């Protein structure tokens, strides 16, 4: 028999998503608490263990690159037994490198595998799909090398360019809206969730 999920389950998962504010505010211990110890994360500038991502984020915070994330409420699908969930969450990445006088706004969606262990929901796997990105110019028009921007998919070219110029290179192609990579991420996530899913 399927296990029913509660409004509290949905709120707990929503709190995990909006908990990304801890990264923006440099609350590294609280950011670490969003993830299970064996969690992984794959985004433009980092792939690996979530615990290492927290450490890398702390190092990024000491550079001229600053970021802020605007995160919406997630859509959540639960497994039939109520112990797993897949969520999709819209976000806006606002970034700026003060020494370059250059910034960007990147629109993405986090696709998360979330698991309840000992009654506590935490993220087990986080990936990102990129929808589109644009440059911003906080100190006036800055020079951009269009050939470098063109190396990346248009959906996150501005973000990748800023990351690369800031010392955080984007080393492979990531999922974009409607891409085969996006479909593969979703297919894998829902296979992990199980066929008898509950909305």
N, C-alpha and C. Protein backbone atom coordinates (compact mmCIF):
# COMPACT_ATOMS: atom_id res chain seq x y z
N UNK A 1 0.84 -1.20 0.00
CA UNK A 1 0.00 0.00 0.00
C UNK A 1 0.88 1.26 0.00
N UNK A 2 0.56 2.26 -0.81
CA UNK A 2 1.34 3.48 -0.81
C UNK A 2 1.25 4.18 0.55
N UNK A 3 2.34 4.79 0.94
CA UNK A 3 2.36 5.59 2.16
C UNK A 3 1.99 7.02 1.81
N UNK A 4 0.99 7.57 2.47
CA UNK A 4 0.57 8.93 2.17
C UNK A 4 1.63 9.92 2.67
N UNK A 5 1.78 11.00 1.94
CA UNK A 5 2.69 12.05 2.35
C UNK A 5 1.88 13.20 2.93
N UNK A 6 2.51 13.99 3.76
CA UNK A 6 1.81 15.04 4.48
C UNK A 6 2.25 16.42 3.99
N UNK A 7 1.49 17.42 4.41
CA UNK A 7 1.89 18.79 4.12
C UNK A 7 3.24 19.10 4.75
N UNK A 8 3.53 18.48 5.89
CA UNK A 8 4.82 18.70 6.54
C UNK A 8 5.97 18.18 5.69
N UNK A 9 5.75 17.03 5.02
CA UNK A 9 6.77 16.51 4.11
C UNK A 9 7.07 17.53 3.01
N UNK A 10 6.01 18.07 2.43
CA UNK A 10 6.19 19.06 1.37
C UNK A 10 6.88 20.32 1.89
N UNK A 11 6.53 20.75 3.10
CA UNK A 11 7.16 21.93 3.67
C UNK A 11 8.63 21.68 3.97
N UNK A 12 8.94 20.49 4.48
CA UNK A 12 10.33 20.15 4.76
C UNK A 12 11.18 20.18 3.50
N UNK A 13 10.62 19.69 2.40
CA UNK A 13 11.35 19.69 1.13
C UNK A 13 11.47 21.12 0.59
N UNK A 14 10.41 21.91 0.71
CA UNK A 14 10.49 23.32 0.29
C UNK A 14 11.57 24.06 1.09
N UNK A 15 11.70 23.73 2.37
CA UNK A 15 12.72 24.37 3.20
C UNK A 15 14.12 23.98 2.76
N UNK A 16 14.29 22.76 2.25
CA UNK A 16 15.59 22.37 1.70
C UNK A 16 15.94 23.24 0.50
N UNK A 17 14.95 23.50 -0.35
CA UNK A 17 15.21 24.29 -1.55
C UNK A 17 15.56 25.74 -1.19
N UNK A 18 14.76 26.36 -0.35
CA UNK A 18 15.03 27.75 0.02
C UNK A 18 16.21 27.85 0.97
N UNK A 19 16.64 26.74 1.53
CA UNK A 19 17.83 26.72 2.38
C UNK A 19 19.10 27.09 1.63
N UNK A 20 19.01 27.17 0.29
CA UNK A 20 20.16 27.60 -0.51
C UNK A 20 20.63 29.00 -0.10
N UNK A 21 19.76 29.74 0.62
CA UNK A 21 20.15 31.06 1.12
C UNK A 21 21.37 30.97 2.03
N UNK A 22 21.57 29.82 2.67
CA UNK A 22 22.73 29.66 3.55
C UNK A 22 24.03 29.77 2.76
N UNK A 23 24.00 29.35 1.49
CA UNK A 23 25.20 29.51 0.65
C UNK A 23 25.47 30.99 0.40
N UNK A 24 24.43 31.72 0.07
CA UNK A 24 24.60 33.15 -0.21
C UNK A 24 25.08 33.92 1.02
N UNK A 25 24.68 33.47 2.20
CA UNK A 25 25.01 34.16 3.43
C UNK A 25 26.27 33.61 4.12
N UNK A 26 26.88 32.60 3.52
CA UNK A 26 28.11 32.06 4.10
C UNK A 26 27.91 31.26 5.36
N UNK A 27 26.73 30.69 5.52
CA UNK A 27 26.46 29.84 6.69
C UNK A 27 26.75 28.39 6.29
N UNK A 28 28.02 28.04 6.28
CA UNK A 28 28.47 26.79 5.67
C UNK A 28 27.98 25.56 6.41
N UNK A 29 27.93 25.59 7.74
CA UNK A 29 27.44 24.44 8.49
C UNK A 29 25.97 24.18 8.18
N UNK A 30 25.19 25.24 8.05
CA UNK A 30 23.77 25.07 7.75
C UNK A 30 23.55 24.62 6.31
N UNK A 31 24.40 25.08 5.40
CA UNK A 31 24.34 24.61 4.02
C UNK A 31 24.63 23.11 3.97
N UNK A 32 25.60 22.66 4.73
CA UNK A 32 25.98 21.25 4.76
C UNK A 32 24.81 20.39 5.24
N UNK A 33 23.98 20.93 6.12
CA UNK A 33 22.86 20.18 6.68
C UNK A 33 21.75 19.91 5.67
N UNK A 34 21.77 20.57 4.52
CA UNK A 34 20.75 20.31 3.50
C UNK A 34 20.95 18.96 2.83
N UNK A 35 22.16 18.39 2.95
CA UNK A 35 22.54 17.20 2.20
C UNK A 35 22.79 16.00 3.10
N UNK A 36 22.50 14.81 2.57
CA UNK A 36 22.94 13.58 3.21
C UNK A 36 24.46 13.49 3.10
N UNK A 37 25.10 12.76 4.01
CA UNK A 37 26.57 12.66 3.96
C UNK A 37 27.12 12.12 2.65
N UNK A 38 26.36 11.27 1.97
CA UNK A 38 26.82 10.69 0.71
C UNK A 38 26.26 11.41 -0.52
N UNK A 39 25.75 12.60 -0.34
CA UNK A 39 25.13 13.35 -1.44
C UNK A 39 26.16 13.83 -2.45
N UNK A 40 25.67 14.01 -3.69
CA UNK A 40 26.49 14.53 -4.77
C UNK A 40 25.79 15.73 -5.42
N UNK A 41 26.60 16.55 -6.09
CA UNK A 41 26.06 17.72 -6.78
C UNK A 41 26.81 17.94 -8.08
N UNK A 42 26.07 18.31 -9.13
CA UNK A 42 26.66 18.62 -10.43
C UNK A 42 26.06 19.93 -10.92
N UNK A 43 26.89 20.98 -10.94
CA UNK A 43 26.49 22.27 -11.51
C UNK A 43 27.64 22.74 -12.39
N UNK A 44 27.52 23.92 -12.98
CA UNK A 44 28.49 24.35 -13.98
C UNK A 44 29.94 24.28 -13.51
N UNK A 45 30.21 24.75 -12.32
CA UNK A 45 31.60 24.90 -11.89
C UNK A 45 32.06 23.83 -10.91
N UNK A 46 31.16 22.91 -10.53
CA UNK A 46 31.54 21.89 -9.55
C UNK A 46 30.80 20.59 -9.81
N UNK A 47 31.55 19.48 -9.71
CA UNK A 47 30.96 18.14 -9.75
C UNK A 47 31.65 17.29 -8.70
N UNK A 48 30.86 16.70 -7.81
CA UNK A 48 31.46 15.86 -6.79
C UNK A 48 30.60 15.77 -5.56
N UNK A 49 31.23 15.42 -4.44
CA UNK A 49 30.53 15.25 -3.18
C UNK A 49 30.00 16.60 -2.69
N UNK A 50 28.78 16.59 -2.14
CA UNK A 50 28.18 17.83 -1.64
C UNK A 50 29.03 18.45 -0.53
N UNK A 51 29.65 17.61 0.29
CA UNK A 51 30.50 18.14 1.36
C UNK A 51 31.68 18.92 0.79
N UNK A 52 32.25 18.43 -0.32
CA UNK A 52 33.34 19.15 -0.98
C UNK A 52 32.83 20.42 -1.64
N UNK A 53 31.58 20.38 -2.14
CA UNK A 53 30.97 21.57 -2.72
C UNK A 53 30.86 22.70 -1.69
N UNK A 54 30.48 22.34 -0.47
CA UNK A 54 30.37 23.37 0.57
C UNK A 54 31.74 24.01 0.81
N UNK A 55 32.77 23.19 0.89
CA UNK A 55 34.13 23.72 1.08
C UNK A 55 34.54 24.60 -0.10
N UNK A 56 34.21 24.16 -1.32
CA UNK A 56 34.56 24.94 -2.51
C UNK A 56 33.79 26.26 -2.55
N UNK A 57 32.55 26.24 -2.09
CA UNK A 57 31.75 27.47 -2.03
C UNK A 57 32.35 28.46 -1.05
N UNK A 58 32.86 27.95 0.07
CA UNK A 58 33.51 28.81 1.05
C UNK A 58 34.75 29.47 0.45
N UNK A 59 35.49 28.72 -0.36
CA UNK A 59 36.66 29.30 -1.03
C UNK A 59 36.23 30.34 -2.05
N UNK A 60 35.15 30.05 -2.82
CA UNK A 60 34.65 31.02 -3.79
C UNK A 60 34.28 32.33 -3.11
N UNK A 61 33.74 32.24 -1.91
CA UNK A 61 33.28 33.43 -1.19
C UNK A 61 34.43 34.37 -0.83
N UNK A 62 35.68 33.89 -0.90
CA UNK A 62 36.83 34.75 -0.59
C UNK A 62 37.34 35.47 -1.83
N UNK A 63 36.73 35.22 -3.00
CA UNK A 63 37.17 35.85 -4.24
C UNK A 63 36.30 37.07 -4.56
N UNK A 64 36.56 37.67 -5.72
CA UNK A 64 35.77 38.83 -6.14
C UNK A 64 34.42 38.44 -6.75
N UNK A 65 34.17 37.13 -6.89
CA UNK A 65 32.90 36.66 -7.44
C UNK A 65 31.87 36.52 -6.33
N UNK A 66 30.75 37.20 -6.49
CA UNK A 66 29.65 37.12 -5.52
C UNK A 66 28.42 36.58 -6.22
N UNK A 67 27.65 35.76 -5.49
CA UNK A 67 26.42 35.21 -6.07
C UNK A 67 25.26 35.31 -5.09
N UNK A 68 24.09 35.36 -5.67
CA UNK A 68 22.84 35.32 -4.90
C UNK A 68 21.85 34.49 -5.70
N UNK A 69 21.04 33.69 -5.00
CA UNK A 69 20.10 32.80 -5.66
C UNK A 69 18.67 33.13 -5.23
N UNK A 70 17.80 33.34 -6.19
CA UNK A 70 16.38 33.54 -5.93
C UNK A 70 15.69 32.22 -6.25
N UNK A 71 15.11 31.59 -5.25
CA UNK A 71 14.62 30.22 -5.38
C UNK A 71 13.11 30.18 -5.16
N UNK A 72 12.39 29.48 -6.03
CA UNK A 72 10.94 29.38 -5.91
C UNK A 72 10.54 28.12 -5.15
N UNK A 73 9.25 27.94 -4.96
CA UNK A 73 8.74 26.71 -4.37
C UNK A 73 8.89 25.57 -5.37
N UNK A 74 9.22 24.37 -4.92
CA UNK A 74 9.43 23.26 -5.84
C UNK A 74 8.14 22.55 -6.22
N UNK A 75 8.18 21.85 -7.34
CA UNK A 75 7.19 20.83 -7.62
C UNK A 75 7.79 19.50 -7.16
N UNK A 76 7.01 18.68 -6.47
CA UNK A 76 7.55 17.49 -5.82
C UNK A 76 6.72 16.27 -6.19
N UNK A 77 7.42 15.18 -6.52
CA UNK A 77 6.79 13.89 -6.76
C UNK A 77 7.41 12.90 -5.77
N UNK A 78 6.56 12.17 -5.05
CA UNK A 78 7.01 11.23 -4.03
C UNK A 78 6.99 9.80 -4.54
N UNK A 79 7.84 8.97 -3.97
CA UNK A 79 7.78 7.53 -4.24
C UNK A 79 6.55 6.95 -3.57
N UNK A 80 6.15 5.77 -4.01
CA UNK A 80 4.94 5.14 -3.48
C UNK A 80 5.05 4.88 -1.98
N UNK A 81 6.27 4.59 -1.49
CA UNK A 81 6.41 4.31 -0.06
C UNK A 81 6.67 5.56 0.77
N UNK A 82 6.74 6.72 0.13
CA UNK A 82 6.87 7.98 0.85
C UNK A 82 8.24 8.26 1.43
N UNK A 83 9.28 7.52 1.00
CA UNK A 83 10.62 7.73 1.56
C UNK A 83 11.56 8.45 0.61
N UNK A 84 11.11 8.63 -0.65
CA UNK A 84 11.93 9.31 -1.64
C UNK A 84 11.08 10.35 -2.36
N UNK A 85 11.76 11.33 -2.93
CA UNK A 85 11.06 12.36 -3.70
C UNK A 85 12.00 12.93 -4.75
N UNK A 86 11.40 13.39 -5.83
CA UNK A 86 12.12 14.15 -6.85
C UNK A 86 11.47 15.53 -6.91
N UNK A 87 12.28 16.56 -6.84
CA UNK A 87 11.75 17.92 -6.91
C UNK A 87 12.40 18.67 -8.06
N UNK A 88 11.65 19.62 -8.61
CA UNK A 88 12.15 20.52 -9.64
C UNK A 88 11.87 21.94 -9.17
N UNK A 89 12.92 22.76 -9.15
CA UNK A 89 12.81 24.08 -8.53
C UNK A 89 13.42 25.14 -9.43
N UNK A 90 12.63 26.13 -9.80
CA UNK A 90 13.16 27.27 -10.56
C UNK A 90 14.04 28.13 -9.67
N UNK A 91 15.12 28.64 -10.26
CA UNK A 91 16.01 29.55 -9.53
C UNK A 91 16.59 30.58 -10.50
N UNK A 92 17.01 31.70 -9.94
CA UNK A 92 17.74 32.71 -10.69
C UNK A 92 19.09 32.90 -9.99
N UNK A 93 20.16 32.75 -10.73
CA UNK A 93 21.51 32.94 -10.21
C UNK A 93 21.94 34.36 -10.58
N UNK A 94 22.11 35.20 -9.58
CA UNK A 94 22.59 36.57 -9.79
C UNK A 94 24.06 36.59 -9.38
N UNK A 95 24.93 36.92 -10.32
CA UNK A 95 26.36 36.86 -10.05
C UNK A 95 27.04 38.15 -10.49
N UNK A 96 28.15 38.47 -9.81
CA UNK A 96 28.91 39.67 -10.14
C UNK A 96 30.36 39.48 -9.73
N UNK A 97 31.27 39.86 -10.60
CA UNK A 97 32.67 39.93 -10.23
C UNK A 97 33.04 41.40 -10.13
N UNK A 98 33.33 41.83 -8.92
CA UNK A 98 33.54 43.27 -8.68
C UNK A 98 34.80 43.78 -9.37
N UNK A 99 35.83 42.96 -9.49
CA UNK A 99 37.07 43.42 -10.12
C UNK A 99 36.92 43.52 -11.63
N UNK A 100 36.04 42.70 -12.21
CA UNK A 100 35.81 42.75 -13.65
C UNK A 100 34.74 43.76 -14.03
N UNK A 101 33.94 44.18 -13.08
CA UNK A 101 32.82 45.06 -13.40
C UNK A 101 31.80 44.39 -14.29
N UNK A 102 31.65 43.06 -14.10
CA UNK A 102 30.78 42.27 -14.98
C UNK A 102 29.94 41.32 -14.15
N UNK A 103 28.70 41.13 -14.57
CA UNK A 103 27.82 40.21 -13.86
C UNK A 103 26.94 39.45 -14.83
N UNK A 104 26.05 38.64 -14.29
CA UNK A 104 25.09 37.93 -15.13
C UNK A 104 23.89 37.51 -14.29
N UNK A 105 22.80 37.25 -14.98
CA UNK A 105 21.63 36.61 -14.40
C UNK A 105 21.41 35.31 -15.16
N UNK A 106 21.42 34.20 -14.43
CA UNK A 106 21.21 32.90 -15.05
C UNK A 106 19.95 32.26 -14.50
N UNK A 107 19.10 31.77 -15.39
CA UNK A 107 17.86 31.11 -14.99
C UNK A 107 18.05 29.60 -15.15
N UNK A 108 17.81 28.88 -14.07
CA UNK A 108 18.02 27.44 -14.10
C UNK A 108 16.93 26.72 -13.32
N UNK A 109 16.97 25.40 -13.37
CA UNK A 109 16.09 24.56 -12.57
C UNK A 109 16.93 23.49 -11.89
N UNK A 110 16.82 23.40 -10.58
CA UNK A 110 17.45 22.32 -9.85
C UNK A 110 16.55 21.09 -9.90
N UNK A 111 17.12 19.96 -10.25
CA UNK A 111 16.41 18.69 -10.17
C UNK A 111 17.09 17.87 -9.08
N UNK A 112 16.36 17.61 -8.02
CA UNK A 112 16.93 16.98 -6.83
C UNK A 112 16.30 15.64 -6.54
N UNK A 113 17.13 14.69 -6.16
CA UNK A 113 16.67 13.45 -5.56
C UNK A 113 16.79 13.63 -4.04
N UNK A 114 15.68 13.42 -3.36
CA UNK A 114 15.61 13.70 -1.93
C UNK A 114 15.17 12.42 -1.22
N UNK A 115 15.78 12.15 -0.10
CA UNK A 115 15.48 10.92 0.62
C UNK A 115 15.24 11.21 2.10
N UNK A 116 14.24 10.51 2.65
CA UNK A 116 13.96 10.65 4.09
C UNK A 116 14.66 9.51 4.82
N UNK A 117 15.56 9.88 5.70
CA UNK A 117 16.28 8.91 6.53
C UNK A 117 16.09 9.27 7.99
N UNK A 118 15.70 8.29 8.80
CA UNK A 118 15.44 8.52 10.22
C UNK A 118 14.49 9.69 10.42
N UNK A 119 13.50 9.80 9.51
CA UNK A 119 12.47 10.83 9.61
C UNK A 119 12.87 12.20 9.10
N UNK A 120 14.08 12.33 8.53
CA UNK A 120 14.58 13.64 8.10
C UNK A 120 14.82 13.63 6.59
N UNK A 121 14.23 14.61 5.90
CA UNK A 121 14.44 14.77 4.46
C UNK A 121 15.72 15.55 4.22
N UNK A 122 16.57 15.01 3.31
CA UNK A 122 17.75 15.74 2.88
C UNK A 122 18.01 15.41 1.41
N UNK A 123 18.78 16.28 0.76
CA UNK A 123 19.10 16.09 -0.65
C UNK A 123 20.16 15.00 -0.80
N UNK A 124 19.92 14.10 -1.74
CA UNK A 124 20.87 13.04 -2.04
C UNK A 124 21.64 13.33 -3.33
N UNK A 125 20.99 14.01 -4.27
CA UNK A 125 21.62 14.28 -5.55
C UNK A 125 21.03 15.56 -6.12
N UNK A 126 21.88 16.50 -6.50
CA UNK A 126 21.41 17.76 -7.11
C UNK A 126 22.08 17.94 -8.47
N UNK A 127 21.24 18.16 -9.49
CA UNK A 127 21.72 18.53 -10.82
C UNK A 127 20.99 19.80 -11.24
N UNK A 128 21.47 20.42 -12.31
CA UNK A 128 20.87 21.67 -12.76
C UNK A 128 20.64 21.64 -14.26
N UNK A 129 19.52 22.21 -14.67
CA UNK A 129 19.20 22.42 -16.09
C UNK A 129 19.18 23.93 -16.30
N UNK A 130 19.84 24.40 -17.34
CA UNK A 130 19.98 25.84 -17.58
C UNK A 130 19.04 26.28 -18.69
N UNK A 131 18.25 27.33 -18.40
CA UNK A 131 17.24 27.81 -19.33
C UNK A 131 17.72 28.98 -20.18
N UNK A 132 18.27 30.02 -19.56
CA UNK A 132 18.90 31.11 -20.31
C UNK A 132 19.67 32.00 -19.34
N UNK A 133 20.58 32.79 -19.89
CA UNK A 133 21.41 33.67 -19.07
C UNK A 133 21.75 34.92 -19.86
N UNK A 134 21.89 36.02 -19.15
CA UNK A 134 22.23 37.30 -19.78
C UNK A 134 23.30 37.99 -18.95
N UNK A 135 24.11 38.82 -19.61
CA UNK A 135 25.11 39.60 -18.91
C UNK A 135 24.48 40.81 -18.23
N UNK A 136 25.07 41.26 -17.15
CA UNK A 136 24.72 42.53 -16.51
C UNK A 136 26.01 43.34 -16.36
N UNK A 137 25.84 44.65 -16.25
CA UNK A 137 27.00 45.54 -16.24
C UNK A 137 26.87 46.52 -15.07
N UNK A 138 27.23 46.07 -13.87
CA UNK A 138 27.01 46.89 -12.67
C UNK A 138 27.86 48.16 -12.62
N UNK A 139 28.95 48.22 -13.37
CA UNK A 139 29.81 49.41 -13.34
C UNK A 139 29.92 50.07 -14.70
N UNK A 140 28.96 49.83 -15.57
CA UNK A 140 29.03 50.34 -16.94
C UNK A 140 29.43 49.23 -17.89
N UNK A 141 29.34 49.50 -19.19
CA UNK A 141 29.62 48.49 -20.19
C UNK A 141 31.06 47.98 -20.07
N UNK A 142 31.20 46.65 -19.99
CA UNK A 142 32.50 46.01 -19.90
C UNK A 142 32.74 45.18 -21.15
N UNK A 143 34.00 45.00 -21.51
CA UNK A 143 34.34 44.25 -22.71
C UNK A 143 34.13 42.76 -22.49
N UNK A 144 33.53 42.13 -23.50
CA UNK A 144 33.28 40.68 -23.48
C UNK A 144 33.85 40.09 -24.76
N UNK A 145 34.51 38.95 -24.64
CA UNK A 145 35.05 38.27 -25.81
C UNK A 145 33.97 37.34 -26.36
N UNK A 146 33.34 37.68 -27.49
CA UNK A 146 32.24 36.86 -28.01
C UNK A 146 32.68 35.46 -28.42
N UNK A 147 33.93 35.29 -28.81
CA UNK A 147 34.40 33.97 -29.20
C UNK A 147 34.45 33.03 -28.00
N UNK A 148 34.80 33.56 -26.84
CA UNK A 148 34.82 32.74 -25.63
C UNK A 148 33.40 32.39 -25.22
N UNK A 149 32.49 33.36 -25.27
CA UNK A 149 31.09 33.11 -24.92
C UNK A 149 30.52 32.02 -25.82
N UNK A 150 30.89 32.04 -27.08
CA UNK A 150 30.35 31.10 -28.06
C UNK A 150 30.80 29.65 -27.82
N UNK A 151 31.78 29.45 -26.96
CA UNK A 151 32.22 28.08 -26.65
C UNK A 151 31.17 27.31 -25.85
N UNK A 152 30.28 28.05 -25.20
CA UNK A 152 29.31 27.44 -24.30
C UNK A 152 27.91 27.49 -24.92
N UNK A 153 27.02 26.61 -24.50
CA UNK A 153 25.63 26.72 -24.94
C UNK A 153 25.06 28.09 -24.55
N UNK A 154 24.25 28.63 -25.44
CA UNK A 154 23.70 29.97 -25.21
C UNK A 154 22.94 30.06 -23.89
N UNK A 155 22.33 28.95 -23.48
CA UNK A 155 21.49 28.96 -22.27
C UNK A 155 22.26 29.30 -21.00
N UNK A 156 23.57 29.05 -21.01
CA UNK A 156 24.34 29.44 -19.82
C UNK A 156 25.68 30.07 -20.20
N UNK A 157 25.78 30.56 -21.43
CA UNK A 157 27.02 31.16 -21.89
C UNK A 157 27.50 32.32 -21.03
N UNK A 158 26.61 33.22 -20.67
CA UNK A 158 27.00 34.37 -19.86
C UNK A 158 27.51 33.92 -18.49
N UNK A 159 26.83 32.97 -17.89
CA UNK A 159 27.25 32.45 -16.58
C UNK A 159 28.60 31.76 -16.68
N UNK A 160 28.78 30.91 -17.68
CA UNK A 160 30.03 30.18 -17.84
C UNK A 160 31.20 31.13 -18.10
N UNK A 161 30.94 32.16 -18.90
CA UNK A 161 31.99 33.15 -19.19
C UNK A 161 32.43 33.84 -17.91
N UNK A 162 31.48 34.27 -17.10
CA UNK A 162 31.81 34.96 -15.84
C UNK A 162 32.55 34.02 -14.89
N UNK A 163 32.08 32.77 -14.80
CA UNK A 163 32.76 31.80 -13.94
C UNK A 163 34.19 31.57 -14.40
N UNK A 164 34.37 31.38 -15.70
CA UNK A 164 35.71 31.14 -16.24
C UNK A 164 36.64 32.32 -15.98
N UNK A 165 36.17 33.53 -16.22
CA UNK A 165 36.99 34.73 -15.99
C UNK A 165 37.28 34.92 -14.51
N UNK A 166 36.48 34.30 -13.66
CA UNK A 166 36.67 34.42 -12.20
C UNK A 166 37.51 33.28 -11.62
N UNK A 167 37.96 32.37 -12.48
CA UNK A 167 38.80 31.29 -12.01
C UNK A 167 38.08 30.01 -11.67
N UNK A 168 36.84 29.88 -12.16
CA UNK A 168 36.03 28.67 -11.92
C UNK A 168 35.56 28.12 -13.27
N UNK A 169 36.44 27.45 -13.99
CA UNK A 169 36.11 27.03 -15.36
C UNK A 169 34.99 26.01 -15.43
N UNK A 170 34.22 26.09 -16.51
CA UNK A 170 33.16 25.13 -16.81
C UNK A 170 33.76 24.14 -17.80
N UNK A 171 33.91 22.89 -17.39
CA UNK A 171 34.75 21.95 -18.11
C UNK A 171 34.01 21.01 -19.07
N UNK A 172 32.68 20.99 -19.00
CA UNK A 172 31.94 20.12 -19.92
C UNK A 172 30.59 20.75 -20.24
N UNK A 173 29.83 20.09 -21.09
CA UNK A 173 28.50 20.59 -21.45
C UNK A 173 27.48 20.12 -20.42
N UNK A 174 26.63 21.04 -19.98
CA UNK A 174 25.59 20.73 -19.01
C UNK A 174 24.21 20.82 -19.67
N UNK A 175 23.23 20.29 -18.96
CA UNK A 175 21.88 20.20 -19.51
C UNK A 175 21.27 21.58 -19.72
N UNK A 176 20.59 21.72 -20.85
CA UNK A 176 19.84 22.93 -21.16
C UNK A 176 18.40 22.55 -21.47
N UNK A 177 17.53 23.55 -21.47
CA UNK A 177 16.11 23.30 -21.66
C UNK A 177 15.85 22.55 -22.97
N UNK A 178 15.18 21.40 -22.85
CA UNK A 178 14.81 20.62 -24.01
C UNK A 178 15.91 19.73 -24.56
N UNK A 179 17.07 19.70 -23.92
CA UNK A 179 18.19 18.93 -24.43
C UNK A 179 18.07 17.45 -24.07
N UNK A 180 18.86 16.63 -24.76
CA UNK A 180 18.90 15.21 -24.44
C UNK A 180 19.41 14.99 -23.02
N UNK A 181 20.34 15.82 -22.58
CA UNK A 181 20.86 15.71 -21.22
C UNK A 181 19.75 15.96 -20.19
N UNK A 182 18.89 16.94 -20.46
CA UNK A 182 17.78 17.19 -19.54
C UNK A 182 16.87 15.96 -19.46
N UNK A 183 16.53 15.40 -20.61
CA UNK A 183 15.66 14.23 -20.63
C UNK A 183 16.30 13.05 -19.90
N UNK A 184 17.62 12.90 -20.05
CA UNK A 184 18.33 11.80 -19.37
C UNK A 184 18.32 12.00 -17.86
N UNK A 185 18.49 13.23 -17.40
CA UNK A 185 18.45 13.52 -15.96
C UNK A 185 17.08 13.17 -15.40
N UNK A 186 16.02 13.62 -16.08
CA UNK A 186 14.67 13.37 -15.60
C UNK A 186 14.34 11.87 -15.62
N UNK A 187 14.73 11.19 -16.69
CA UNK A 187 14.45 9.75 -16.79
C UNK A 187 15.15 8.99 -15.68
N UNK A 188 16.40 9.33 -15.42
CA UNK A 188 17.16 8.65 -14.36
C UNK A 188 16.56 8.94 -12.99
N UNK A 189 16.16 10.19 -12.76
CA UNK A 189 15.60 10.56 -11.45
C UNK A 189 14.31 9.81 -11.17
N UNK A 190 13.44 9.72 -12.17
CA UNK A 190 12.16 9.07 -11.93
C UNK A 190 12.29 7.55 -11.92
N UNK A 191 13.32 7.03 -12.57
CA UNK A 191 13.60 5.59 -12.45
C UNK A 191 14.05 5.28 -11.03
N UNK A 192 14.86 6.17 -10.45
CA UNK A 192 15.30 6.03 -9.06
C UNK A 192 14.10 6.11 -8.11
N UNK A 193 13.14 6.97 -8.45
CA UNK A 193 11.97 7.17 -7.61
C UNK A 193 11.08 5.94 -7.60
N UNK A 194 10.97 5.25 -8.73
CA UNK A 194 10.12 4.09 -8.84
C UNK A 194 8.91 4.40 -9.70
N UNK A 195 8.32 3.39 -10.26
CA UNK A 195 7.23 3.57 -11.21
C UNK A 195 5.96 4.08 -10.55
N UNK A 196 5.68 3.63 -9.32
CA UNK A 196 4.44 4.02 -8.66
C UNK A 196 4.66 5.28 -7.85
N UNK A 197 4.72 6.42 -8.54
CA UNK A 197 5.00 7.69 -7.88
C UNK A 197 3.70 8.41 -7.50
N UNK A 198 3.79 9.24 -6.48
CA UNK A 198 2.65 10.01 -6.00
C UNK A 198 2.94 11.48 -6.18
N UNK A 199 2.02 12.22 -6.83
CA UNK A 199 2.19 13.67 -6.97
C UNK A 199 1.75 14.39 -5.70
